[in-house]
């Protein structure tokens, strides 16, 4: 056989193989363009819940034509579903052990994160309405999920899953030395590289063994490396060993914004709402090797009492007046904070929080 004939047959075989490859259903010659799946809108989600929505909502939406009128309908229905969720949550907790109650509480916090992420909104009124419809839908589903034995099943499933590591909190406190220095080494042996925070203070004064000092300088080192600090607070407060009735500590070190780096929470004074402790927060900027004062976060907290901080979520309580209370929840990611919940209620009129119960 001539070389020319052999080459001709090889070409035919190669071409045939390419043709078979191109037509094989399991191996497409050209990948088809992927279609982006569109999530249903809040209105579409809520339309599927029509059997479980209140008659008042259906009547309200049937007569509402303007955007703001429809928003009022949805706001009222969200309150109905939120009350139902809170009732299911409280009923489920009443039948659980303390450990299971804590598991359910953590599950609710995770669910709130998921709901607020799925039902995000902007300043546009139409988008806000859609987000509120989305929240109403998810709240309705969650209430039904917790009813009966549903909450116990969720807790059992969570306990069977591998536990997630929680961010550790390290505290430190010390009186000034003879040179007016407060030297703190929180989390010794636990934080790497080792952290040291040193304040130079003066003009310390106070009552009931709670002392406030003027801060002259604040120096931080991580290992052998100095770390810059921006926006040092003008004063700090600490409680002596004989102080009673205070849960505040001079320094807390914890990952506040869930970026894997230790951040600083320094007790500044007790000038918050109804004498609540006020803190200065410093977020670690690894790229700049510096601690940056979180002024926007402090403004959002606004002197309210910090009930707890968990996974970047700040749960705040405030007594606005002898009767009026306020709950606020802030989520911190990076250097940006956003308000997840803000609600006022009057205890003298028998009002009580609903959704905020889920955050206890």
Protein backbone atom coordinates (compact mmCIF):
# COMPACT_ATOMS: atom_id res chain seq x y z
CA UNK A 1 0.00 0.00 0.00
CA UNK A 2 1.36 3.37 -0.97
CA UNK A 3 2.19 6.00 1.62
CA UNK A 4 -0.31 8.33 -0.03
CA UNK A 5 -3.14 5.82 0.46
CA UNK A 6 -2.17 5.25 4.11
CA UNK A 7 -2.23 9.00 4.76
CA UNK A 8 -5.62 9.29 3.06
CA UNK A 9 -7.13 6.55 5.28
CA UNK A 10 -5.66 8.12 8.40
CA UNK A 11 -7.24 11.43 7.50
CA UNK A 12 -10.62 9.77 6.92
CA UNK A 13 -10.37 7.94 10.27
CA UNK A 14 -9.39 11.11 12.10
CA UNK A 15 -12.24 13.05 10.52
CA UNK A 16 -14.70 10.27 11.39
CA UNK A 17 -13.54 10.32 15.01
CA UNK A 18 -14.08 14.07 15.18
CA UNK A 19 -17.56 13.69 13.73
CA UNK A 20 -18.48 10.99 16.26
CA UNK A 21 -17.10 13.13 19.07
CA UNK A 22 -19.12 16.10 17.90
CA UNK A 23 -22.36 14.14 17.75
CA UNK A 24 -21.89 12.14 20.96
CA UNK A 25 -24.57 13.30 23.39
CA UNK A 26 -22.26 12.88 26.39
CA UNK A 27 -19.44 14.98 24.93
CA UNK A 28 -20.74 18.12 23.18
CA UNK A 29 -18.42 19.76 20.68
CA UNK A 30 -19.44 23.22 21.85
CA UNK A 31 -20.67 23.86 25.40
CA UNK A 32 -24.15 25.32 25.35
CA UNK A 33 -24.40 28.75 27.00
CA UNK A 34 -25.46 28.40 30.63
CA UNK A 35 -28.72 30.06 31.57
CA UNK A 36 -28.79 32.06 34.79
CA UNK A 37 -31.63 30.84 36.98
CA UNK A 38 -33.77 33.75 38.13
CA UNK A 39 -35.00 33.61 41.71
CA UNK A 40 -38.73 34.18 42.10
CA UNK A 41 -39.77 37.64 43.22
CA UNK A 42 -41.28 38.31 46.62
CA UNK A 43 -44.69 38.76 45.00
CA UNK A 44 -44.39 35.37 43.28
CA UNK A 45 -43.35 33.68 46.52
CA UNK A 46 -46.25 35.20 48.43
CA UNK A 47 -48.73 34.30 45.69
CA UNK A 48 -48.09 30.64 46.48
CA UNK A 49 -49.00 31.20 50.13
CA UNK A 50 -52.50 32.51 49.48
CA UNK A 51 -54.19 29.71 51.49
CA UNK A 52 -52.15 30.55 54.58
CA UNK A 53 -52.41 34.34 54.52
CA UNK A 54 -54.89 36.25 56.66
CA UNK A 55 -58.27 37.31 55.18
CA UNK A 56 -57.40 40.90 56.09
CA UNK A 57 -54.35 40.76 53.82
CA UNK A 58 -56.31 39.42 50.86
CA UNK A 59 -58.94 42.12 51.28
CA UNK A 60 -56.30 44.82 51.72
CA UNK A 61 -54.42 43.84 48.56
CA UNK A 62 -57.64 43.58 46.57
CA UNK A 63 -58.40 47.24 47.20
CA UNK A 64 -54.86 48.69 47.28
CA UNK A 65 -53.59 50.12 44.00
CA UNK A 66 -50.86 52.60 45.00
CA UNK A 67 -47.44 51.29 45.91
CA UNK A 68 -47.45 52.74 49.42
CA UNK A 69 -50.90 51.25 50.10
CA UNK A 70 -49.69 47.81 49.03
CA UNK A 71 -46.65 48.20 51.27
CA UNK A 72 -48.92 48.87 54.26
CA UNK A 73 -50.82 45.67 53.46
CA UNK A 74 -47.61 43.65 53.39
CA UNK A 75 -46.25 45.29 56.55
CA UNK A 76 -49.41 44.32 58.43
CA UNK A 77 -49.25 40.74 57.15
CA UNK A 78 -45.58 40.43 58.10
CA UNK A 79 -46.58 41.40 61.64
CA UNK A 80 -49.26 38.65 61.63
CA UNK A 81 -46.78 36.03 60.43
CA UNK A 82 -44.05 37.29 62.76
CA UNK A 83 -46.42 36.92 65.72
CA UNK A 84 -47.21 33.36 64.59
CA UNK A 85 -43.50 32.58 64.30
CA UNK A 86 -42.76 33.97 67.72
CA UNK A 87 -45.61 31.95 69.24
CA UNK A 88 -44.31 28.76 67.61
CA UNK A 89 -40.78 29.52 68.76
CA UNK A 90 -41.75 30.22 72.37
CA UNK A 91 -43.98 27.11 72.48
CA UNK A 92 -41.17 24.93 71.13
CA UNK A 93 -38.64 26.31 73.62
CA UNK A 94 -40.98 25.66 76.55
CA UNK A 95 -40.76 21.90 75.88
CA UNK A 96 -36.96 21.75 75.49
CA UNK A 97 -34.00 21.34 77.77
CA UNK A 98 -31.66 24.30 78.24
CA UNK A 99 -29.14 22.82 75.80
CA UNK A 100 -31.78 22.29 73.13
CA UNK A 101 -33.12 25.81 73.68
CA UNK A 102 -29.64 27.16 72.94
CA UNK A 103 -29.42 25.06 69.78
CA UNK A 104 -32.79 26.34 68.58
CA UNK A 105 -31.77 29.92 69.36
CA UNK A 106 -28.63 29.53 67.23
CA UNK A 107 -30.66 27.98 64.42
CA UNK A 108 -33.00 30.97 64.48
CA UNK A 109 -30.09 33.38 64.22
CA UNK A 110 -28.80 31.48 61.20
CA UNK A 111 -32.25 31.53 59.64
CA UNK A 112 -32.54 35.29 60.15
CA UNK A 113 -29.21 35.73 58.35
CA UNK A 114 -30.48 33.59 55.47
CA UNK A 115 -33.78 35.45 55.27
CA UNK A 116 -32.17 38.89 55.29
CA UNK A 117 -29.63 37.80 52.67
CA UNK A 118 -32.33 36.34 50.39
CA UNK A 119 -34.73 39.26 50.89
CA UNK A 120 -32.29 42.14 50.53
CA UNK A 121 -33.52 45.58 49.57
CA UNK A 122 -32.37 48.95 48.26
CA UNK A 123 -33.69 52.49 48.55
CA UNK A 124 -36.10 51.89 45.66
CA UNK A 125 -39.71 51.69 46.91
CA UNK A 126 -40.68 48.87 44.54
CA UNK A 127 -37.66 46.80 45.61
CA UNK A 128 -38.50 47.45 49.26
CA UNK A 129 -42.04 46.17 48.71
CA UNK A 130 -40.73 43.04 46.99
CA UNK A 131 -38.23 42.44 49.82
CA UNK A 132 -41.00 42.79 52.41
CA UNK A 133 -43.13 40.26 50.51
CA UNK A 134 -40.14 37.92 50.44
CA UNK A 135 -39.65 38.29 54.21
CA UNK A 136 -43.34 37.64 54.82
CA UNK A 137 -43.16 34.44 52.76
CA UNK A 138 -40.07 33.14 54.55
CA UNK A 139 -41.46 34.06 57.98
CA UNK A 140 -44.70 32.21 57.23
CA UNK A 141 -42.78 29.10 56.15
CA UNK A 142 -40.54 29.22 59.22
CA UNK A 143 -43.54 29.48 61.55
CA UNK A 144 -45.07 26.38 60.00
CA UNK A 145 -41.69 24.62 60.15
CA UNK A 146 -41.42 25.15 63.93
CA UNK A 147 -44.95 24.06 64.72
CA UNK A 148 -45.70 20.64 66.19
CA UNK A 149 -42.58 18.48 66.33
CA UNK A 150 -40.82 20.50 63.65
CA UNK A 151 -38.58 22.48 65.99
CA UNK A 152 -37.47 19.34 67.84
CA UNK A 153 -36.59 17.70 64.52
CA UNK A 154 -34.48 20.69 63.49
CA UNK A 155 -32.64 20.62 66.82
CA UNK A 156 -31.97 16.88 66.54
CA UNK A 157 -30.60 17.33 63.03
CA UNK A 158 -28.36 20.21 64.13
CA UNK A 159 -26.99 18.24 67.08
CA UNK A 160 -26.13 15.33 64.79
CA UNK A 161 -24.17 17.61 62.44
CA UNK A 162 -20.49 18.49 63.10
CA UNK A 163 -20.22 21.46 65.45
CA UNK A 164 -19.00 24.75 64.02
CA UNK A 165 -16.17 26.52 65.79
CA UNK A 166 -17.23 29.70 67.59
CA UNK A 167 -15.04 32.77 67.69
CA UNK A 168 -13.31 32.96 71.05
CA UNK A 169 -13.46 36.08 73.22
CA UNK A 170 -10.51 37.05 75.39
CA UNK A 171 -10.77 39.67 78.12
CA UNK A 172 -8.13 41.68 79.97
CA UNK A 173 -8.07 44.28 82.72
CA UNK A 174 -5.40 45.77 84.94
CA UNK A 175 -4.86 48.92 87.03
CA UNK A 176 -2.38 51.58 85.94
CA UNK A 177 1.20 51.06 87.13
CA UNK A 178 3.39 53.74 88.73
CA UNK A 179 4.08 55.22 85.28
CA UNK A 180 0.40 55.46 84.37
CA UNK A 181 0.54 52.48 82.01
CA UNK A 182 -2.15 49.83 81.69
CA UNK A 183 -0.46 46.83 80.05
CA UNK A 184 -2.82 44.13 78.81
CA UNK A 185 -1.94 40.75 77.27
CA UNK A 186 -5.26 39.08 76.45
CA UNK A 187 -5.46 35.44 75.47
CA UNK A 188 -1.91 34.57 76.49
CA UNK A 189 -0.90 31.34 74.78
CA UNK A 190 -4.13 31.35 72.76
CA UNK A 191 -3.67 34.23 70.30
CA UNK A 192 -0.97 33.93 67.65
CA UNK A 193 1.01 36.08 67.24
CA UNK A 194 0.78 37.23 70.88
CA UNK A 195 -1.15 40.47 71.36
CA UNK A 196 -0.28 43.29 73.75
CA UNK A 197 -2.27 46.48 74.24
CA UNK A 198 -0.81 49.30 76.34
CA UNK A 199 -2.58 52.50 77.37
CA UNK A 200 -0.87 55.50 78.89
CA UNK A 201 -3.50 57.19 81.08
CA UNK A 202 -3.85 60.16 83.42
CA UNK A 203 -6.46 61.96 85.56
CA UNK A 204 -8.27 58.82 86.71
CA UNK A 205 -11.40 59.36 88.80
CA UNK A 206 -14.70 57.68 89.56
CA UNK A 207 -17.17 56.33 92.08
CA UNK A 208 -18.30 52.89 93.27
CA UNK A 209 -14.89 51.49 92.34
CA UNK A 210 -15.50 52.23 88.63
CA UNK A 211 -12.72 54.43 87.33
CA UNK A 212 -12.53 56.51 84.15
CA UNK A 213 -9.13 57.72 82.92
CA UNK A 214 -8.05 60.07 80.16
CA UNK A 215 -6.13 58.22 77.46
CA UNK A 216 -2.87 59.83 76.35
CA UNK A 217 -1.57 57.06 74.07
CA UNK A 218 -2.56 53.57 72.91
CA UNK A 219 0.09 51.16 71.62
CA UNK A 220 -0.48 47.69 70.18
CA UNK A 221 1.99 44.97 69.24
CA UNK A 222 1.40 41.60 67.59
CA UNK A 223 4.39 39.42 68.30
CA UNK A 224 7.44 41.64 67.86
CA UNK A 225 5.68 43.89 65.36
CA UNK A 226 4.14 47.23 66.23
CA UNK A 227 0.62 47.87 64.95
CA UNK A 228 -0.63 51.38 64.17
CA UNK A 229 -3.88 52.54 65.81
CA UNK A 230 -6.12 55.21 64.26
CA UNK A 231 -8.76 57.23 66.11
CA UNK A 232 -7.76 56.47 69.69
CA UNK A 233 -10.66 57.08 72.10
CA UNK A 234 -10.17 59.97 74.57
CA UNK A 235 -10.89 57.93 77.73
CA UNK A 236 -11.30 54.43 79.08
CA UNK A 237 -13.17 52.90 82.01
CA UNK A 238 -12.41 49.92 84.21
CA UNK A 239 -14.06 48.30 87.21
CA UNK A 240 -12.10 47.36 90.30
CA UNK A 241 -12.33 44.01 92.04
CA UNK A 242 -14.90 45.35 94.51
CA UNK A 243 -17.27 46.73 91.86
CA UNK A 244 -20.66 45.03 91.78
CA UNK A 245 -23.40 44.92 89.19
CA UNK A 246 -21.20 45.57 86.15
CA UNK A 247 -20.58 43.12 83.34
CA UNK A 248 -18.31 45.48 81.41
CA UNK A 249 -14.61 44.69 81.04
CA UNK A 250 -11.89 47.10 79.97
CA UNK A 251 -10.76 45.09 76.92
CA UNK A 252 -12.44 42.37 74.87
CA UNK A 253 -10.55 40.76 71.99
CA UNK A 254 -12.79 38.96 69.51
CA UNK A 255 -13.26 38.63 65.75
CA UNK A 256 -16.06 41.19 65.45
CA UNK A 257 -16.48 41.19 61.66
CA UNK A 258 -15.82 37.49 60.96
CA UNK A 259 -12.65 38.00 58.91
CA UNK A 260 -10.43 35.72 60.99
CA UNK A 261 -8.47 38.53 62.70
CA UNK A 262 -8.70 39.64 66.36
CA UNK A 263 -10.48 42.97 66.82
CA UNK A 264 -10.60 45.19 69.92
CA UNK A 265 -13.52 46.36 72.05
CA UNK A 266 -12.50 48.93 74.69
CA UNK A 267 -14.81 50.14 77.47
CA UNK A 268 -14.87 53.91 77.06
CA UNK A 269 -17.42 55.23 79.59
CA UNK A 270 -20.98 54.84 80.89
CA UNK A 271 -22.51 57.68 78.91
CA UNK A 272 -24.83 55.53 76.82
CA UNK A 273 -28.63 55.41 76.87
CA UNK A 274 -29.73 55.25 80.51
CA UNK A 275 -26.04 54.99 81.54
CA UNK A 276 -25.29 51.97 79.36
CA UNK A 277 -21.58 51.20 78.78
CA UNK A 278 -20.14 52.79 75.63
CA UNK A 279 -17.33 51.03 73.77
CA UNK A 280 -14.70 52.01 71.24
CA UNK A 281 -14.23 49.36 68.53
CA UNK A 282 -11.07 48.79 66.50
CA UNK A 283 -11.07 46.52 63.43
CA UNK A 284 -7.79 44.97 62.34
CA UNK A 285 -6.66 45.91 58.83
CA UNK A 286 -4.16 43.20 57.88
CA UNK A 287 -3.09 44.90 54.65
CA UNK A 288 -2.18 48.13 56.45
CA UNK A 289 -1.06 46.40 59.69
CA UNK A 290 -3.23 48.74 61.74
CA UNK A 291 -6.25 48.88 64.00
CA UNK A 292 -8.87 51.27 62.60
CA UNK A 293 -11.53 52.87 64.79
CA UNK A 294 -14.98 51.67 63.66
CA UNK A 295 -16.73 55.04 63.88
CA UNK A 296 -19.67 54.03 61.66
CA UNK A 297 -20.36 50.96 63.81
CA UNK A 298 -20.25 53.01 67.01
CA UNK A 299 -22.66 55.55 65.50
CA UNK A 300 -25.06 52.74 64.53
CA UNK A 301 -24.94 51.35 68.08
CA UNK A 302 -25.73 54.86 69.35
CA UNK A 303 -25.08 54.25 73.03
CA UNK A 304 -27.50 51.31 73.27
CA UNK A 305 -26.75 48.46 75.63
CA UNK A 306 -25.05 45.54 73.85
CA UNK A 307 -26.93 42.39 74.81
CA UNK A 308 -24.48 40.15 72.97
CA UNK A 309 -22.26 39.90 69.90
CA UNK A 310 -22.33 36.68 67.90
CA UNK A 311 -20.91 35.94 64.44
CA UNK A 312 -20.79 39.60 63.48
CA UNK A 313 -24.31 40.25 64.77
CA UNK A 314 -24.75 42.94 67.44
CA UNK A 315 -27.98 42.56 69.42
CA UNK A 316 -28.78 45.86 71.15
CA UNK A 317 -31.31 46.83 73.81
CA UNK A 318 -32.25 50.33 74.92
CA UNK A 319 -34.63 51.85 77.44
CA UNK A 320 -35.91 54.94 75.65
CA UNK A 321 -38.22 56.05 78.47
CA UNK A 322 -39.63 54.50 81.66
CA UNK A 323 -42.11 52.55 79.50
CA UNK A 324 -40.62 52.48 76.02
CA UNK A 325 -38.01 49.95 74.92
CA UNK A 326 -36.09 49.54 71.68
CA UNK A 327 -34.42 46.52 70.10
CA UNK A 328 -31.90 46.85 67.29
CA UNK A 329 -29.81 44.25 65.48
CA UNK A 330 -26.76 45.20 63.42
CA UNK A 331 -24.78 42.91 61.12
CA UNK A 332 -21.08 43.73 60.65
CA UNK A 333 -19.16 42.39 57.65
CA UNK A 334 -15.77 43.85 56.82
CA UNK A 335 -16.02 47.50 57.77
CA UNK A 336 -19.66 47.85 56.69
CA UNK A 337 -22.59 47.51 59.07
CA UNK A 338 -26.28 47.29 58.23
CA UNK A 339 -29.38 47.27 60.40
CA UNK A 340 -31.31 43.99 60.31
CA UNK A 341 -33.99 44.89 62.84
CA UNK A 342 -35.14 48.01 64.67
CA UNK A 343 -38.28 47.92 66.75
CA UNK A 344 -39.81 49.92 69.61
CA UNK A 345 -42.47 48.72 72.01
CA UNK A 346 -44.25 50.06 75.10
CA UNK A 347 -44.11 47.80 78.15
CA UNK A 348 -46.66 49.90 80.05
CA UNK A 349 -49.24 49.04 77.38
CA UNK A 350 -48.46 45.35 77.60
CA UNK A 351 -46.46 45.32 74.38
CA UNK A 352 -43.54 42.96 74.01
CA UNK A 353 -41.03 42.15 71.29
CA UNK A 354 -41.84 39.47 68.80
CA UNK A 355 -39.03 38.81 66.37
CA UNK A 356 -36.47 40.00 68.90
CA UNK A 357 -37.49 37.03 71.07
CA UNK A 358 -35.76 34.88 68.49
CA UNK A 359 -32.45 36.61 69.18
CA UNK A 360 -32.25 35.95 72.92
